[in-house]
Amino acid sequence: MASAVKAPNTSGQEDAPTNPRGIPQAPFVDKVEDYVATRQDVEPTLRKFQEMISKYQFMEMNVQKRMGGLQEKIPEIQKTLDTVRFLKSRKDETEPIETTFELNDTLYARAKIPATEEVYLWLGANIMLSYQVDEAETLLTSKLSTAQTSLSNCEEDLDYLREQITTMEVATARVYNWEIVQKRKEKTSEEVDEQKQS
């Protein structure tokens, strides 16, 4: 048997493999003996595994929240970009555009929009800036691309985290089952000793 307990790497050291965004890979427990030497090592190992599962679940929850925000943000950016492109395509028109725009969820207003070289964009935190139409299109295209890349990364991270959680759950089950087998061996050994003594 192993003379020392090899605890799973939960400290986040550099030698642990990670995904491209730094999420550590869960250890795969092929041989339980690599992690526990005696039955007394089982509880601390199971606690460490449970702690790792909790960390992965916390990361999973954060990634899901980030994904939700991006899934709301991307259509808004796309809608704004489409509007800027429409205004750009009508740059040479002399007739103003007559439109209805939303003031609130149930409140709309009519407006006539003359051809324009300038648009105002909400940047967040109650900040609105004026941009030339071409600059606005470039900015929005960049923001849309960044948001789509972030969403793709979140989806990849979510799949990765689910794999790591499953790996840790399997590792926990293997350690638990190893302990049960050890208990049975000890019980059988005790019964054999009792029979020899009688």
C-alpha atoms as a PDB file:
ATOM      1  CA  MET A   1       0.000   0.000   0.000  1.00  0.00           C
ATOM      2  CA  ALA A   2       1.039   3.601  -0.448  1.00  0.00           C
ATOM      3  CA  SER A   3       2.929   5.003   2.501  1.00  0.00           C
ATOM      4  CA  ALA A   4       1.652   8.565   2.136  1.00  0.00           C
ATOM      5  CA  VAL A   5      -1.609  10.044   0.995  1.00  0.00           C
ATOM      6  CA  LYS A   6      -1.473  11.735  -2.392  1.00  0.00           C
ATOM      7  CA  ALA A   7      -4.090  14.436  -2.021  1.00  0.00           C
ATOM      8  CA  PRO A   8      -5.774  15.860  -5.098  1.00  0.00           C
ATOM      9  CA  ASN A   9      -4.378  19.166  -6.278  1.00  0.00           C
ATOM     10  CA  THR A  10      -6.951  21.686  -5.079  1.00  0.00           C
ATOM     11  CA  SER A  11      -4.590  24.614  -4.575  1.00  0.00           C
ATOM     12  CA  GLY A  12      -4.700  25.751  -8.211  1.00  0.00           C
ATOM     13  CA  GLN A  13      -0.945  25.410  -8.769  1.00  0.00           C
ATOM     14  CA  GLU A  14       0.525  26.050 -12.200  1.00  0.00           C
ATOM     15  CA  ASP A  15       1.337  22.385 -12.831  1.00  0.00           C
ATOM     16  CA  ALA A  16      -2.343  21.419 -12.949  1.00  0.00           C
ATOM     17  CA  PRO A  17      -3.695  21.301 -16.524  1.00  0.00           C
ATOM     18  CA  THR A  18      -6.340  23.911 -17.318  1.00  0.00           C
ATOM     19  CA  ASN A  19      -8.645  24.890 -20.152  1.00  0.00           C
ATOM     20  CA  PRO A  20      -7.787  28.032 -22.218  1.00  0.00           C
ATOM     21  CA  ARG A  21      -9.451  30.304 -19.628  1.00  0.00           C
ATOM     22  CA  GLY A  22      -7.645  28.809 -16.645  1.00  0.00           C
ATOM     23  CA  ILE A  23     -10.265  26.440 -15.226  1.00  0.00           C
ATOM     24  CA  PRO A  24      -8.313  23.556 -13.641  1.00  0.00           C
ATOM     25  CA  GLN A  25      -8.847  20.013 -14.827  1.00  0.00           C
ATOM     26  CA  ALA A  26     -10.297  17.588 -12.290  1.00  0.00           C
ATOM     27  CA  PRO A  27      -8.049  14.665 -11.384  1.00  0.00           C
ATOM     28  CA  PHE A  28      -9.170  11.357 -12.843  1.00  0.00           C
ATOM     29  CA  VAL A  29      -9.061   8.667 -10.167  1.00  0.00           C
ATOM     30  CA  ASP A  30      -8.055   5.490 -11.925  1.00  0.00           C
ATOM     31  CA  LYS A  31      -6.458   3.863  -8.882  1.00  0.00           C
ATOM     32  CA  VAL A  32      -7.982   4.880  -5.566  1.00  0.00           C
ATOM     33  CA  GLU A  33      -4.788   3.749  -3.839  1.00  0.00           C
ATOM     34  CA  ASP A  34      -3.039   6.765  -5.400  1.00  0.00           C
ATOM     35  CA  TYR A  35      -5.278   9.012  -3.272  1.00  0.00           C
ATOM     36  CA  VAL A  36      -5.956   6.976  -0.125  1.00  0.00           C
ATOM     37  CA  ALA A  37      -3.660   4.579   1.703  1.00  0.00           C
ATOM     38  CA  THR A  38      -5.925   3.623   4.613  1.00  0.00           C
ATOM     39  CA  ARG A  39      -9.569   3.967   5.567  1.00  0.00           C
ATOM     40  CA  GLN A  40      -8.617   6.951   7.751  1.00  0.00           C
ATOM     41  CA  ASP A  41      -7.611   8.821   4.571  1.00  0.00           C
ATOM     42  CA  VAL A  42     -11.061   8.393   3.017  1.00  0.00           C
ATOM     43  CA  GLU A  43     -12.891  11.186   4.867  1.00  0.00           C
ATOM     44  CA  PRO A  44     -10.307  13.933   4.169  1.00  0.00           C
ATOM     45  CA  THR A  45     -10.108  12.852   0.526  1.00  0.00           C
ATOM     46  CA  LEU A  46     -13.897  12.841   0.148  1.00  0.00           C
ATOM     47  CA  ARG A  47     -14.031  16.310   1.754  1.00  0.00           C
ATOM     48  CA  LYS A  48     -11.435  17.610  -0.713  1.00  0.00           C
ATOM     49  CA  PHE A  49     -13.329  16.093  -3.624  1.00  0.00           C
ATOM     50  CA  GLN A  50     -16.595  17.644  -2.390  1.00  0.00           C
ATOM     51  CA  GLU A  51     -14.843  21.001  -2.042  1.00  0.00           C
ATOM     52  CA  MET A  52     -13.654  20.737  -5.644  1.00  0.00           C
ATOM     53  CA  ILE A  53     -17.172  19.845  -6.816  1.00  0.00           C
ATOM     54  CA  SER A  54     -18.509  22.911  -4.975  1.00  0.00           C
ATOM     55  CA  LYS A  55     -15.906  25.134  -6.650  1.00  0.00           C
ATOM     56  CA  TYR A  56     -16.791  23.772 -10.088  1.00  0.00           C
ATOM     57  CA  GLN A  57     -20.511  24.267  -9.388  1.00  0.00           C
ATOM     58  CA  PHE A  58     -19.849  27.863  -8.290  1.00  0.00           C
ATOM     59  CA  MET A  59     -17.896  28.504 -11.507  1.00  0.00           C
ATOM     60  CA  GLU A  60     -20.693  26.864 -13.505  1.00  0.00           C
ATOM     61  CA  MET A  61     -23.266  29.179 -11.923  1.00  0.00           C
ATOM     62  CA  ASN A  62     -21.142  32.256 -12.731  1.00  0.00           C
ATOM     63  CA  VAL A  63     -20.637  31.150 -16.339  1.00  0.00           C
ATOM     64  CA  GLN A  64     -24.398  30.588 -16.714  1.00  0.00           C
ATOM     65  CA  LYS A  65     -25.073  34.122 -15.428  1.00  0.00           C
ATOM     66  CA  ARG A  66     -22.505  35.569 -17.822  1.00  0.00           C
ATOM     67  CA  MET A  67     -24.068  33.591 -20.688  1.00  0.00           C
ATOM     68  CA  GLY A  68     -27.518  34.916 -19.810  1.00  0.00           C
ATOM     69  CA  GLY A  69     -26.239  38.487 -19.902  1.00  0.00           C
ATOM     70  CA  LEU A  70     -24.535  37.931 -23.253  1.00  0.00           C
ATOM     71  CA  GLN A  71     -27.626  36.261 -24.721  1.00  0.00           C
ATOM     72  CA  GLU A  72     -29.606  39.399 -23.848  1.00  0.00           C
ATOM     73  CA  LYS A  73     -26.885  41.788 -24.989  1.00  0.00           C
ATOM     74  CA  ILE A  74     -26.107  40.278 -28.423  1.00  0.00           C
ATOM     75  CA  PRO A  75     -29.576  40.845 -29.961  1.00  0.00           C
ATOM     76  CA  GLU A  76     -29.537  44.454 -28.695  1.00  0.00           C
ATOM     77  CA  ILE A  77     -26.127  45.099 -30.259  1.00  0.00           C
ATOM     78  CA  GLN A  78     -27.245  43.439 -33.507  1.00  0.00           C
ATOM     79  CA  LYS A  79     -30.443  45.515 -33.600  1.00  0.00           C
ATOM     80  CA  THR A  80     -28.471  48.725 -33.019  1.00  0.00           C
ATOM     81  CA  LEU A  81     -25.918  47.757 -35.679  1.00  0.00           C
ATOM     82  CA  ASP A  82     -28.719  47.050 -38.174  1.00  0.00           C
ATOM     83  CA  THR A  83     -30.215  50.471 -37.432  1.00  0.00           C
ATOM     84  CA  VAL A  84     -26.854  52.222 -37.928  1.00  0.00           C
ATOM     85  CA  ARG A  85     -26.349  50.370 -41.224  1.00  0.00           C
ATOM     86  CA  PHE A  86     -29.840  51.386 -42.325  1.00  0.00           C
ATOM     87  CA  LEU A  87     -29.081  55.035 -41.519  1.00  0.00           C
ATOM     88  CA  LYS A  88     -25.784  54.730 -43.383  1.00  0.00           C
ATOM     89  CA  SER A  89     -27.560  53.329 -46.458  1.00  0.00           C
ATOM     90  CA  ARG A  90     -29.941  56.326 -46.447  1.00  0.00           C
ATOM     91  CA  LYS A  91     -27.144  58.887 -46.124  1.00  0.00           C
ATOM     92  CA  ASP A  92     -27.792  60.383 -49.583  1.00  0.00           C
ATOM     93  CA  GLU A  93     -31.610  60.472 -49.257  1.00  0.00           C
ATOM     94  CA  THR A  94     -33.278  63.886 -49.035  1.00  0.00           C
ATOM     95  CA  GLU A  95     -36.613  62.697 -47.653  1.00  0.00           C
ATOM     96  CA  PRO A  96     -36.682  62.175 -43.874  1.00  0.00           C
ATOM     97  CA  ILE A  97     -37.578  58.729 -42.566  1.00  0.00           C
ATOM     98  CA  GLU A  98     -40.877  58.551 -40.715  1.00  0.00           C
ATOM     99  CA  THR A  99     -40.746  55.999 -37.933  1.00  0.00           C
ATOM    100  CA  THR A 100     -42.233  54.880 -34.657  1.00  0.00           C
ATOM    101  CA  PHE A 101     -39.806  54.283 -31.811  1.00  0.00           C
ATOM    102  CA  GLU A 102     -40.165  52.787 -28.364  1.00  0.00           C
ATOM    103  CA  LEU A 103     -39.998  55.087 -25.349  1.00  0.00           C
ATOM    104  CA  ASN A 104     -41.037  52.433 -22.871  1.00  0.00           C
ATOM    105  CA  ASP A 105     -42.411  48.871 -22.952  1.00  0.00           C
ATOM    106  CA  THR A 106     -45.878  50.068 -23.959  1.00  0.00           C
ATOM    107  CA  LEU A 107     -45.204  53.646 -25.061  1.00  0.00           C
ATOM    108  CA  TYR A 108     -44.210  54.586 -28.607  1.00  0.00           C
ATOM    109  CA  ALA A 109     -43.705  57.923 -30.370  1.00  0.00           C
ATOM    110  CA  ARG A 110     -43.558  58.999 -34.021  1.00  0.00           C
ATOM    111  CA  ALA A 111     -40.604  60.837 -35.441  1.00  0.00           C
ATOM    112  CA  LYS A 112     -39.194  62.118 -38.719  1.00  0.00           C
ATOM    113  CA  ILE A 113     -35.492  61.430 -39.012  1.00  0.00           C
ATOM    114  CA  PRO A 114     -33.526  63.448 -41.565  1.00  0.00           C
ATOM    115  CA  ALA A 115     -30.404  62.023 -43.196  1.00  0.00           C
ATOM    116  CA  THR A 116     -27.632  62.179 -40.651  1.00  0.00           C
ATOM    117  CA  GLU A 117     -23.888  61.745 -40.335  1.00  0.00           C
ATOM    118  CA  GLU A 118     -24.054  61.286 -36.571  1.00  0.00           C
ATOM    119  CA  VAL A 119     -25.671  58.820 -34.167  1.00  0.00           C
ATOM    120  CA  TYR A 120     -25.797  58.608 -30.371  1.00  0.00           C
ATOM    121  CA  LEU A 121     -25.033  55.304 -28.688  1.00  0.00           C
ATOM    122  CA  TRP A 122     -25.709  54.215 -25.118  1.00  0.00           C
ATOM    123  CA  LEU A 123     -22.451  52.900 -23.701  1.00  0.00           C
ATOM    124  CA  GLY A 124     -23.883  51.892 -20.333  1.00  0.00           C
ATOM    125  CA  ALA A 125     -23.718  53.487 -16.875  1.00  0.00           C
ATOM    126  CA  ASN A 126     -26.009  56.293 -18.126  1.00  0.00           C
ATOM    127  CA  ILE A 127     -23.450  57.403 -20.713  1.00  0.00           C
ATOM    128  CA  MET A 128     -24.386  58.300 -24.277  1.00  0.00           C
ATOM    129  CA  LEU A 129     -21.814  59.410 -26.844  1.00  0.00           C
ATOM    130  CA  SER A 130     -22.046  60.876 -30.299  1.00  0.00           C
ATOM    131  CA  TYR A 131     -20.346  58.957 -33.124  1.00  0.00           C
ATOM    132  CA  GLN A 132     -20.028  59.398 -36.843  1.00  0.00           C
ATOM    133  CA  VAL A 133     -22.103  56.711 -38.578  1.00  0.00           C
ATOM    134  CA  ASP A 134     -18.994  54.894 -39.873  1.00  0.00           C
ATOM    135  CA  GLU A 135     -17.344  54.969 -36.424  1.00  0.00           C
ATOM    136  CA  ALA A 136     -20.538  53.698 -34.814  1.00  0.00           C
ATOM    137  CA  GLU A 137     -20.719  50.827 -37.297  1.00  0.00           C
ATOM    138  CA  THR A 138     -17.086  49.892 -36.592  1.00  0.00           C
ATOM    139  CA  LEU A 139     -17.597  50.096 -32.816  1.00  0.00           C
ATOM    140  CA  LEU A 140     -20.791  48.030 -32.880  1.00  0.00           C
ATOM    141  CA  THR A 141     -19.276  45.423 -35.207  1.00  0.00           C
ATOM    142  CA  SER A 142     -16.347  45.081 -32.807  1.00  0.00           C
ATOM    143  CA  LYS A 143     -18.635  44.849 -29.746  1.00  0.00           C
ATOM    144  CA  LEU A 144     -20.820  42.253 -31.480  1.00  0.00           C
ATOM    145  CA  SER A 145     -17.813  40.147 -32.441  1.00  0.00           C
ATOM    146  CA  THR A 146     -16.416  40.336 -28.899  1.00  0.00           C
ATOM    147  CA  ALA A 147     -19.773  39.404 -27.360  1.00  0.00           C
ATOM    148  CA  GLN A 148     -20.204  36.444 -29.729  1.00  0.00           C
ATOM    149  CA  THR A 149     -16.679  35.216 -28.939  1.00  0.00           C
ATOM    150  CA  SER A 150     -17.374  35.565 -25.212  1.00  0.00           C
ATOM    151  CA  LEU A 151     -20.627  33.619 -25.600  1.00  0.00           C
ATOM    152  CA  SER A 152     -18.813  30.863 -27.481  1.00  0.00           C
ATOM    153  CA  ASN A 153     -16.165  30.736 -24.728  1.00  0.00           C
ATOM    154  CA  CYS A 154     -18.886  30.565 -22.071  1.00  0.00           C
ATOM    155  CA  GLU A 155     -20.566  27.645 -23.845  1.00  0.00           C
ATOM    156  CA  GLU A 156     -17.208  25.867 -24.080  1.00  0.00           C
ATOM    157  CA  ASP A 157     -16.459  26.580 -20.394  1.00  0.00           C
ATOM    158  CA  LEU A 158     -19.892  25.343 -19.351  1.00  0.00           C
ATOM    159  CA  ASP A 159     -19.370  22.025 -21.155  1.00  0.00           C
ATOM    160  CA  TYR A 160     -15.884  21.746 -19.650  1.00  0.00           C
ATOM    161  CA  LEU A 161     -17.165  22.469 -16.127  1.00  0.00           C
ATOM    162  CA  ARG A 162     -19.906  19.850 -16.468  1.00  0.00           C
ATOM    163  CA  GLU A 163     -17.272  17.301 -17.514  1.00  0.00           C
ATOM    164  CA  GLN A 164     -15.131  18.211 -14.498  1.00  0.00           C
ATOM    165  CA  ILE A 165     -18.090  17.928 -12.115  1.00  0.00           C
ATOM    166  CA  THR A 166     -18.912  14.493 -13.537  1.00  0.00           C
ATOM    167  CA  THR A 167     -15.262  13.432 -13.215  1.00  0.00           C
ATOM    168  CA  MET A 168     -15.199  14.513  -9.565  1.00  0.00           C
ATOM    169  CA  GLU A 169     -18.512  12.766  -8.837  1.00  0.00           C
ATOM    170  CA  VAL A 170     -17.108   9.551 -10.341  1.00  0.00           C
ATOM    171  CA  ALA A 171     -13.912   9.989  -8.289  1.00  0.00           C
ATOM    172  CA  THR A 172     -15.990  10.461  -5.137  1.00  0.00           C
ATOM    173  CA  ALA A 173     -17.989   7.316  -5.902  1.00  0.00           C
ATOM    174  CA  ARG A 174     -14.799   5.322  -6.501  1.00  0.00           C
ATOM    175  CA  VAL A 175     -13.270   6.390  -3.180  1.00  0.00           C
ATOM    176  CA  TYR A 176     -16.542   5.664  -1.378  1.00  0.00           C
ATOM    177  CA  ASN A 177     -16.823   2.231  -3.007  1.00  0.00           C
ATOM    178  CA  TRP A 178     -13.172   1.511  -2.149  1.00  0.00           C
ATOM    179  CA  GLU A 179     -13.967   2.217   1.505  1.00  0.00           C
ATOM    180  CA  ILE A 180     -16.929  -0.182   1.415  1.00  0.00           C
ATOM    181  CA  VAL A 181     -14.733  -2.919  -0.080  1.00  0.00           C
ATOM    182  CA  GLN A 182     -12.122  -2.303   2.645  1.00  0.00           C
ATOM    183  CA  LYS A 183     -14.806  -2.548   5.354  1.00  0.00           C
ATOM    184  CA  ARG A 184     -15.980  -5.870   3.905  1.00  0.00           C
ATOM    185  CA  LYS A 185     -12.414  -7.190   3.770  1.00  0.00           C
ATOM    186  CA  GLU A 186     -11.858  -6.193   7.396  1.00  0.00           C
ATOM    187  CA  LYS A 187     -15.153  -7.772   8.439  1.00  0.00           C
ATOM    188  CA  THR A 188     -14.336 -10.987   6.562  1.00  0.00           C
ATOM    189  CA  SER A 189     -10.858 -11.001   8.081  1.00  0.00           C
ATOM    190  CA  GLU A 190     -12.335 -10.588  11.586  1.00  0.00           C
ATOM    191  CA  GLU A 191     -14.822 -13.422  10.970  1.00  0.00           C
ATOM    192  CA  VAL A 192     -12.012 -15.719   9.788  1.00  0.00           C
ATOM    193  CA  ASP A 193      -9.953 -14.819  12.882  1.00  0.00           C
ATOM    194  CA  GLU A 194     -12.952 -15.569  15.140  1.00  0.00           C
ATOM    195  CA  GLN A 195     -13.496 -18.948  13.455  1.00  0.00           C
ATOM    196  CA  LYS A 196      -9.821 -19.838  13.911  1.00  0.00           C
ATOM    197  CA  GLN A 197     -10.014 -18.953  17.599  1.00  0.00           C
ATOM    198  CA  SER A 198     -13.093 -21.113  18.208  1.00  0.00           C
END
